[in-house]
Amino acid sequence: MNNKVTITVPGIIFACCIFSVLFPFLVKAQEVPQQYREDWSVSWPNREAQHLEIKAYVDKLLDEDIQKSLNMFKPDFSSIEKYKSSLTPYRKVMGDFYGYPPPKSKEGKITKFIKVGEDVNCTVYRIWVEVIDGVNAYGIYMVPKNLKGKAPLIIAQHGGGGNPEAICDLGTRENYHSFGQEAVKRGYIVWAPALAMNSSYAKDPDIPGANRELLDKKLQFAGTSIIGIELQKIIESAKTLAKERPEIDASRIGMTGLSWGGFFTMYSTALCPFIKVAVPASYFLDTEVGLKKAVADNSKVPPERLIFSGIGHFQAIGLICPRPCMVQLGANDGLFNMDEAKKEAERSAVFYKKLGIGDKFEFNVHKGGHEFEIDAIFKFFGKYL
């Protein structure tokens, strides 16, 4: 058998052509590394783009939400009665945001009523009112000396780092200007409930595991907040005292507070129609500016968690309306921007003006700083309470 292979010229030419076509691919195959690698900087733009796309997306959403929040409060201005009845859903928005009323809230019950002392102006008591299972509202209660019949009640709310004893002047704290004593001199009963705060000037020790910030975080997991708890304390304790104490004229209840107490005055009165007159002092912010700061690139969440609750400060005043309200601020109060506060006051005044009762809202600016100007406060209470 003949196994000889004959190689022709055309065959050689064909083989050369095939080799010339395949050669580049064979060379490249030999150059492929075991693993593709690159410097981290190559992929950084992709990671950066992921962040920037989301930032642009959420900033646009938040800008839209801010405008919705500023414009969501639309009560019925056709009459005062229709205005009042239209406020119910907005009160629910406010309450839900802060978790008010908190779980296991209950009708208030006085659990302790202790006489502390008396002076030429009044008798002073410490009172505890259970308002949630196992949780008491505590405060100072002052009754004018030689009171005959019933008298109006002022809820006097202390500020941040304060205590009831300070606003009642059991111990000196200048920015309250002896408010409790001055109130009883003028014939008012005073109820000064406590907020859960340590007082540095009283040299309060730390309370391990129970500081305000930690309590707030835990309460939020439970569906409420420290503000929700304290709103319940303020509101339910005042209701209970008005019902149980025969010396109180329950139809004449007012509220004032300084700083954080001003915040609680606004929001407690907004939630509760039984408070007839409100004077929040030294706490008033431009809602729009506050919201924009809260979502800015360098944001720090405002302490009252005012983000898209739909109820800013001017809207809280709208919920107080048509009841008389005076917002007080010191011209030299370094904690608040006066121009921004004036803008918020203009927004607030609109509610009263549209109802034809513009005289029932006042924006009172005094010459002092972060403090009460008590003469103006008592003049307002004297006019409307």
Protein backbone atom coordinates (compact mmCIF):
# COMPACT_ATOMS: atom_id res chain seq x y z
CA MET A 1 0.00 0.00 0.00
CA ASN A 2 1.35 3.42 -0.93
CA ASN A 3 1.22 5.91 2.06
CA LYS A 4 3.09 8.73 0.32
CA VAL A 5 1.52 12.21 0.77
CA THR A 6 1.78 14.51 -2.13
CA ILE A 7 2.06 18.23 -1.30
CA THR A 8 1.09 20.45 -4.16
CA VAL A 9 1.84 24.12 -4.63
CA PRO A 10 -1.81 25.15 -4.33
CA GLY A 11 -1.99 23.25 -1.01
CA ILE A 12 1.01 25.08 0.34
CA ILE A 13 -0.51 28.40 -0.65
CA PHE A 14 -3.82 27.53 1.03
CA ALA A 15 -2.08 26.47 4.25
CA CYS A 16 -0.13 29.70 4.35
CA CYS A 17 -3.30 31.70 3.97
CA ILE A 18 -4.99 29.88 6.85
CA PHE A 19 -1.95 30.32 9.09
CA SER A 20 -1.75 34.04 8.33
CA VAL A 21 -5.39 34.44 9.37
CA LEU A 22 -5.09 32.42 12.60
CA PHE A 23 -1.66 33.64 13.70
CA PRO A 24 -2.78 36.92 15.39
CA PHE A 25 -5.40 35.07 17.43
CA LEU A 26 -2.92 32.43 18.50
CA VAL A 27 -0.49 35.11 19.63
CA LYS A 28 -3.20 36.98 21.58
CA ALA A 29 -4.37 33.81 23.28
CA GLN A 30 -0.89 33.33 24.58
CA GLU A 31 -0.87 36.93 25.98
CA VAL A 32 -4.15 36.62 28.11
CA PRO A 33 -3.20 36.84 31.84
CA GLN A 34 -4.24 34.34 34.46
CA GLN A 35 -6.51 37.05 36.08
CA TYR A 36 -7.59 40.49 34.90
CA ARG A 37 -6.54 43.20 37.37
CA GLU A 38 -6.85 46.98 37.50
CA ASP A 39 -6.17 49.88 39.88
CA TRP A 40 -9.00 50.88 42.25
CA SER A 41 -9.05 54.36 40.71
CA VAL A 42 -10.37 52.91 37.44
CA SER A 43 -13.72 51.97 38.99
CA TRP A 44 -14.06 54.90 41.42
CA PRO A 45 -16.11 57.07 38.99
CA ASN A 46 -18.73 54.30 38.85
CA ARG A 47 -19.03 54.17 42.61
CA GLU A 48 -19.15 57.95 42.86
CA ALA A 49 -21.90 58.08 40.24
CA GLN A 50 -24.04 55.69 42.30
CA HIS A 51 -23.95 58.13 45.23
CA LEU A 52 -24.49 61.25 43.17
CA GLU A 53 -27.43 59.79 41.26
CA ILE A 54 -29.16 58.88 44.53
CA LYS A 55 -28.33 62.31 46.01
CA ALA A 56 -29.88 64.10 43.02
CA TYR A 57 -32.92 61.84 43.25
CA VAL A 58 -33.53 62.28 46.98
CA ASP A 59 -32.76 66.02 46.96
CA LYS A 60 -35.46 66.50 44.35
CA LEU A 61 -37.91 64.41 46.37
CA LEU A 62 -37.16 66.34 49.54
CA ASP A 63 -37.53 69.71 47.81
CA GLU A 64 -40.97 68.57 46.68
CA ASP A 65 -41.80 67.26 50.16
CA ILE A 66 -40.79 70.54 51.80
CA GLN A 67 -43.25 72.42 49.61
CA LYS A 68 -45.94 69.84 50.33
CA SER A 69 -45.26 70.18 54.05
CA LEU A 70 -45.49 73.97 53.95
CA ASN A 71 -48.77 73.87 52.03
CA MET A 72 -50.53 70.81 53.43
CA PHE A 73 -52.33 72.68 56.24
CA LYS A 74 -55.51 73.97 54.63
CA PRO A 75 -58.27 74.62 57.18
CA ASP A 76 -61.73 75.84 56.28
CA PHE A 77 -61.87 79.65 56.64
CA SER A 78 -65.57 80.01 55.78
CA SER A 79 -66.46 80.52 59.46
CA ILE A 80 -64.81 80.20 62.86
CA GLU A 81 -66.86 77.13 63.73
CA LYS A 82 -66.04 75.41 60.44
CA TYR A 83 -62.40 76.38 60.92
CA LYS A 84 -62.31 74.69 64.33
CA SER A 85 -64.01 71.53 63.09
CA SER A 86 -61.60 71.27 60.15
CA LEU A 87 -58.56 71.03 62.46
CA THR A 88 -59.16 67.47 63.69
CA PRO A 89 -57.22 65.60 60.97
CA TYR A 90 -54.24 67.95 61.36
CA ARG A 91 -54.14 67.36 65.10
CA LYS A 92 -53.96 63.66 64.33
CA VAL A 93 -51.01 64.25 61.97
CA MET A 94 -49.19 66.07 64.74
CA GLY A 95 -50.03 63.47 67.38
CA ASP A 96 -49.07 60.54 65.16
CA PHE A 97 -45.71 62.10 64.32
CA TYR A 98 -44.70 62.29 67.97
CA GLY A 99 -46.42 59.08 69.02
CA TYR A 100 -49.08 60.89 71.05
CA PRO A 101 -50.89 59.54 72.90
CA PRO A 102 -48.28 56.91 73.76
CA PRO A 103 -49.11 53.23 74.35
CA LYS A 104 -50.89 52.42 77.63
CA SER A 105 -51.96 56.02 78.20
CA LYS A 106 -54.76 56.40 80.70
CA GLU A 107 -57.05 58.92 82.29
CA GLY A 108 -55.06 60.83 84.86
CA LYS A 109 -55.16 59.97 88.55
CA ILE A 110 -53.52 61.97 91.34
CA THR A 111 -51.26 59.54 93.19
CA LYS A 112 -49.49 61.97 95.58
CA PHE A 113 -50.34 65.48 96.74
CA ILE A 114 -47.80 66.87 99.21
CA LYS A 115 -47.63 70.30 100.77
CA VAL A 116 -44.10 71.68 100.48
CA GLY A 117 -44.48 75.00 102.23
CA GLU A 118 -46.11 78.39 102.14
CA ASP A 119 -45.18 82.04 102.04
CA VAL A 120 -46.96 85.38 101.98
CA ASN A 121 -48.12 84.83 98.39
CA CYS A 122 -49.09 81.17 98.11
CA THR A 123 -49.12 77.60 99.27
CA VAL A 124 -46.78 75.28 97.38
CA TYR A 125 -47.41 71.59 96.67
CA ARG A 126 -45.68 68.75 94.88
CA ILE A 127 -48.08 66.61 92.86
CA TRP A 128 -47.76 63.30 91.00
CA VAL A 129 -50.43 62.31 88.47
CA GLU A 130 -50.33 58.86 86.85
CA VAL A 131 -51.00 59.39 83.12
CA ILE A 132 -49.55 56.16 81.63
CA ASP A 133 -49.34 52.77 83.33
CA GLY A 134 -46.53 53.22 85.83
CA VAL A 135 -45.59 56.72 84.59
CA ASN A 136 -46.41 59.85 86.58
CA ALA A 137 -46.44 63.49 85.62
CA TYR A 138 -44.63 65.33 88.40
CA GLY A 139 -44.71 69.05 89.06
CA ILE A 140 -45.06 72.03 91.36
CA TYR A 141 -48.53 73.38 92.13
CA MET A 142 -48.96 76.87 93.57
CA VAL A 143 -52.22 78.25 94.96
CA PRO A 144 -52.59 81.96 95.82
CA LYS A 145 -52.98 82.77 99.51
CA ASN A 146 -56.48 83.56 100.78
CA LEU A 147 -58.06 82.47 97.49
CA LYS A 148 -61.82 82.84 97.50
CA GLY A 149 -63.77 80.85 94.95
CA LYS A 150 -62.20 79.65 91.71
CA ALA A 151 -59.22 81.05 89.84
CA PRO A 152 -57.70 80.58 86.38
CA LEU A 153 -54.86 78.09 85.93
CA ILE A 154 -51.60 78.79 84.09
CA ILE A 155 -49.56 75.80 82.95
CA ALA A 156 -45.97 77.06 83.33
CA GLN A 157 -43.50 74.97 81.35
CA HIS A 158 -39.79 75.18 82.09
CA GLY A 159 -37.16 75.05 79.36
CA GLY A 160 -34.29 72.81 78.37
CA GLY A 161 -32.11 71.73 81.27
CA GLY A 162 -34.65 73.30 83.62
CA ASN A 163 -37.07 72.06 86.24
CA PRO A 164 -40.42 73.06 87.79
CA GLU A 165 -38.71 74.47 90.86
CA ALA A 166 -36.83 76.99 88.69
CA ILE A 167 -39.82 78.44 86.83
CA CYS A 168 -41.73 78.61 90.12
CA ASP A 169 -38.77 80.39 91.75
CA LEU A 170 -38.19 77.89 94.53
CA GLY A 171 -34.57 78.32 93.49
CA THR A 172 -33.30 81.35 91.57
CA ARG A 173 -33.03 81.13 87.79
CA GLU A 174 -32.94 84.62 86.35
CA ASN A 175 -34.38 84.04 82.86
CA TYR A 176 -37.74 82.96 84.33
CA HIS A 177 -38.00 86.22 86.33
CA SER A 178 -39.79 84.55 89.28
CA PHE A 179 -42.67 83.55 87.03
CA GLY A 180 -44.52 81.31 89.49
CA GLN A 181 -44.40 83.86 92.32
CA GLU A 182 -45.45 86.68 90.00
CA ALA A 183 -48.38 84.61 88.73
CA VAL A 184 -49.79 83.82 92.17
CA LYS A 185 -49.43 87.49 93.17
CA ARG A 186 -51.79 88.26 90.29
CA GLY A 187 -54.32 85.64 91.41
CA TYR A 188 -53.40 82.76 89.06
CA ILE A 189 -53.02 79.14 90.11
CA VAL A 190 -49.81 77.65 88.69
CA TRP A 191 -49.13 74.09 87.54
CA ALA A 192 -45.51 73.54 86.47
CA PRO A 193 -45.00 70.00 85.10
CA ALA A 194 -41.53 68.49 84.74
CA LEU A 195 -39.76 67.42 81.55
CA ALA A 196 -37.27 64.52 81.72
CA MET A 197 -34.12 66.64 81.79
CA ASN A 198 -31.05 66.97 83.98
CA SER A 199 -30.35 70.47 85.31
CA SER A 200 -26.67 71.36 85.17
CA TYR A 201 -27.13 74.39 87.42
CA ALA A 202 -28.80 72.11 89.99
CA LYS A 203 -25.79 69.76 89.64
CA ASP A 204 -28.03 66.81 88.82
CA PRO A 205 -26.01 63.57 88.49
CA ASP A 206 -26.17 61.42 85.37
CA ILE A 207 -28.78 58.66 85.38
CA PRO A 208 -27.13 55.59 83.79
CA GLY A 209 -29.30 53.97 81.14
CA ALA A 210 -32.02 56.62 81.43
CA ASN A 211 -30.71 59.83 79.89
CA ARG A 212 -33.11 61.75 77.64
CA GLU A 213 -31.46 60.83 74.32
CA LEU A 214 -31.38 57.10 75.08
CA LEU A 215 -34.97 57.14 76.32
CA ASP A 216 -36.06 58.84 73.08
CA LYS A 217 -34.35 56.17 70.93
CA LYS A 218 -35.98 53.36 72.89
CA LEU A 219 -39.38 55.04 72.86
CA GLN A 220 -39.24 55.42 69.08
CA PHE A 221 -38.84 51.64 68.81
CA ALA A 222 -41.98 51.38 70.94
CA GLY A 223 -43.98 53.64 68.62
CA THR A 224 -43.74 56.90 70.56
CA SER A 225 -41.07 59.42 71.59
CA ILE A 226 -39.89 61.39 74.60
CA ILE A 227 -41.93 64.31 73.24
CA GLY A 228 -45.00 62.07 72.94
CA ILE A 229 -44.57 61.00 76.58
CA GLU A 230 -44.15 64.57 77.77
CA LEU A 231 -47.13 65.85 75.79
CA GLN A 232 -49.19 63.18 77.53
CA LYS A 233 -47.82 64.25 80.91
CA ILE A 234 -48.53 67.94 80.35
CA ILE A 235 -51.97 67.53 78.82
CA GLU A 236 -53.42 64.75 80.95
CA SER A 237 -52.09 66.14 84.24
CA ALA A 238 -53.67 69.54 83.51
CA LYS A 239 -56.97 67.86 82.59
CA THR A 240 -56.88 65.88 85.82
CA LEU A 241 -56.13 68.88 88.02
CA ALA A 242 -58.86 70.93 86.32
CA LYS A 243 -61.31 68.14 87.03
CA GLU A 244 -60.19 67.22 90.56
CA ARG A 245 -59.17 70.52 92.15
CA PRO A 246 -62.18 72.64 93.15
CA GLU A 247 -60.17 75.89 93.22
CA ILE A 248 -59.48 75.76 89.45
CA ASP A 249 -61.80 77.48 86.98
CA ALA A 250 -61.62 74.84 84.23
CA SER A 251 -62.95 77.28 81.64
CA ARG A 252 -59.93 79.56 82.14
CA ILE A 253 -56.73 77.60 81.48
CA GLY A 254 -53.71 79.19 79.83
CA MET A 255 -50.18 78.01 79.11
CA THR A 256 -46.78 79.60 78.72
CA GLY A 257 -43.23 78.30 78.59
CA LEU A 258 -39.69 79.39 77.90
CA SER A 259 -37.37 77.88 75.27
CA TRP A 260 -38.20 74.16 75.12
CA GLY A 261 -41.16 75.17 77.26
CA GLY A 262 -42.20 77.47 74.41
CA PHE A 263 -42.13 74.52 72.02
CA PHE A 264 -44.30 72.46 74.37
CA THR A 265 -46.65 75.41 74.86
CA MET A 266 -47.21 75.62 71.09
CA TYR A 267 -47.73 71.92 70.54
CA SER A 268 -49.72 71.15 73.71
CA THR A 269 -52.11 74.01 73.01
CA ALA A 270 -52.36 73.01 69.34
CA LEU A 271 -53.42 69.51 70.40
CA CYS A 272 -55.79 70.53 73.22
CA PRO A 273 -58.70 72.95 72.82
CA PHE A 274 -59.21 73.11 76.61
CA ILE A 275 -56.15 75.38 76.82
CA LYS A 276 -57.74 78.73 76.04
CA VAL A 277 -54.75 81.10 75.77
CA ALA A 278 -51.12 80.40 74.81
CA VAL A 279 -47.89 82.39 75.19
CA PRO A 280 -44.94 80.42 73.79
CA ALA A 281 -41.69 82.28 74.52
CA SER A 282 -38.11 82.08 73.22
CA TYR A 283 -38.70 79.29 70.71
CA PHE A 284 -39.82 80.24 67.22
CA LEU A 285 -38.33 79.04 63.95
CA ASP A 286 -38.90 79.66 60.25
CA THR A 287 -40.38 76.29 59.26
CA GLU A 288 -39.06 76.42 55.70
CA VAL A 289 -35.52 77.27 56.81
CA GLY A 290 -35.67 74.56 59.46
CA LEU A 291 -36.73 71.90 56.98
CA LYS A 292 -34.03 72.90 54.51
CA LYS A 293 -31.38 72.80 57.23
CA ALA A 294 -32.61 69.38 58.30
CA VAL A 295 -31.99 67.91 54.85
CA ALA A 296 -28.87 69.92 53.93
CA ASP A 297 -25.62 68.14 53.08
CA ASN A 298 -24.21 69.03 56.51
CA SER A 299 -27.51 68.48 58.31
CA LYS A 300 -28.03 67.86 61.95
CA VAL A 301 -31.61 66.79 62.69
CA PRO A 302 -33.40 69.49 64.71
CA PRO A 303 -33.92 68.47 68.35
CA GLU A 304 -37.70 68.35 68.02
CA ARG A 305 -37.43 66.04 64.96
CA LEU A 306 -39.36 68.55 62.84
CA ILE A 307 -39.03 66.79 59.49
CA PHE A 308 -42.02 66.48 57.23
CA SER A 309 -44.47 66.16 60.09
CA GLY A 310 -46.58 68.61 58.17
CA ILE A 311 -46.94 70.69 61.33
CA GLY A 312 -44.27 73.36 61.67
CA HIS A 313 -44.37 76.26 64.09
CA PHE A 314 -46.67 78.51 62.05
CA GLN A 315 -48.97 75.53 61.46
CA ALA A 316 -49.02 74.80 65.20
CA ILE A 317 -50.18 78.40 65.67
CA GLY A 318 -52.84 77.70 63.03
CA LEU A 319 -54.07 74.83 65.22
CA ILE A 320 -54.19 77.14 68.23
CA CYS A 321 -56.27 79.66 66.26
CA PRO A 322 -58.94 81.01 66.89
CA ARG A 323 -57.78 80.99 70.52
CA PRO A 324 -55.60 83.97 71.53
CA CYS A 325 -51.85 83.42 71.12
CA MET A 326 -48.84 85.65 71.72
CA VAL A 327 -45.39 84.53 70.57
CA GLN A 328 -42.64 86.24 72.56
CA LEU A 329 -38.98 86.57 71.59
CA GLY A 330 -36.09 88.62 72.91
CA ALA A 331 -34.40 91.00 70.46
CA ASN A 332 -31.04 89.85 71.85
CA ASP A 333 -31.82 86.15 71.98
CA GLY A 334 -28.77 84.62 70.33
CA LEU A 335 -30.46 81.24 69.88
CA PHE A 336 -32.98 82.41 67.28
CA ASN A 337 -32.79 84.46 64.10
CA MET A 338 -35.12 87.43 64.41
CA ASP A 339 -35.67 87.88 60.67
CA GLU A 340 -36.65 84.22 60.32
CA ALA A 341 -38.91 84.43 63.37
CA LYS A 342 -40.66 87.49 61.91
CA LYS A 343 -41.31 85.59 58.71
CA GLU A 344 -42.83 82.72 60.71
CA ALA A 345 -44.94 85.23 62.65
CA GLU A 346 -46.26 86.66 59.38
CA ARG A 347 -47.29 83.16 58.30
CA SER A 348 -48.95 82.62 61.68
CA ALA A 349 -50.90 85.88 61.59
CA VAL A 350 -52.57 84.87 58.32
CA PHE A 351 -54.85 82.36 60.06
CA TYR A 352 -56.24 84.99 62.41
CA LYS A 353 -56.53 87.68 59.74
CA LYS A 354 -58.49 85.39 57.40
CA LEU A 355 -61.00 84.77 60.20
CA GLY A 356 -61.29 88.48 60.99
CA ILE A 357 -59.71 88.15 64.44
CA GLY A 358 -56.23 89.50 63.72
CA ASP A 359 -55.99 91.16 67.16
CA LYS A 360 -55.90 87.73 68.85
CA PHE A 361 -52.40 86.97 67.57
CA GLU A 362 -49.40 88.98 68.70
CA PHE A 363 -45.68 88.74 67.97
CA ASN A 364 -44.09 90.35 71.01
CA VAL A 365 -40.43 91.37 70.82
CA HIS A 366 -38.79 92.60 74.02
CA LYS A 367 -35.36 94.14 74.59
CA GLY A 368 -33.89 91.21 76.49
CA GLY A 369 -32.34 87.89 75.53
CA HIS A 370 -33.35 84.27 76.11
CA GLU A 371 -35.81 85.07 78.87
CA PHE A 372 -39.37 85.91 79.82
CA GLU A 373 -40.65 89.48 79.72
CA ILE A 374 -43.36 88.81 82.27
CA ASP A 375 -45.24 92.12 82.15
CA ALA A 376 -46.23 91.54 78.51
CA ILE A 377 -47.15 87.93 79.27
CA PHE A 378 -49.43 88.84 82.17
CA LYS A 379 -50.96 91.68 80.19
CA PHE A 380 -51.93 89.18 77.48
CA PHE A 381 -53.29 86.68 79.99
CA GLY A 382 -55.17 89.50 81.73
CA LYS A 383 -56.83 90.47 78.45
CA TYR A 384 -57.92 87.00 77.36
CA LEU A 385 -57.87 84.69 80.39
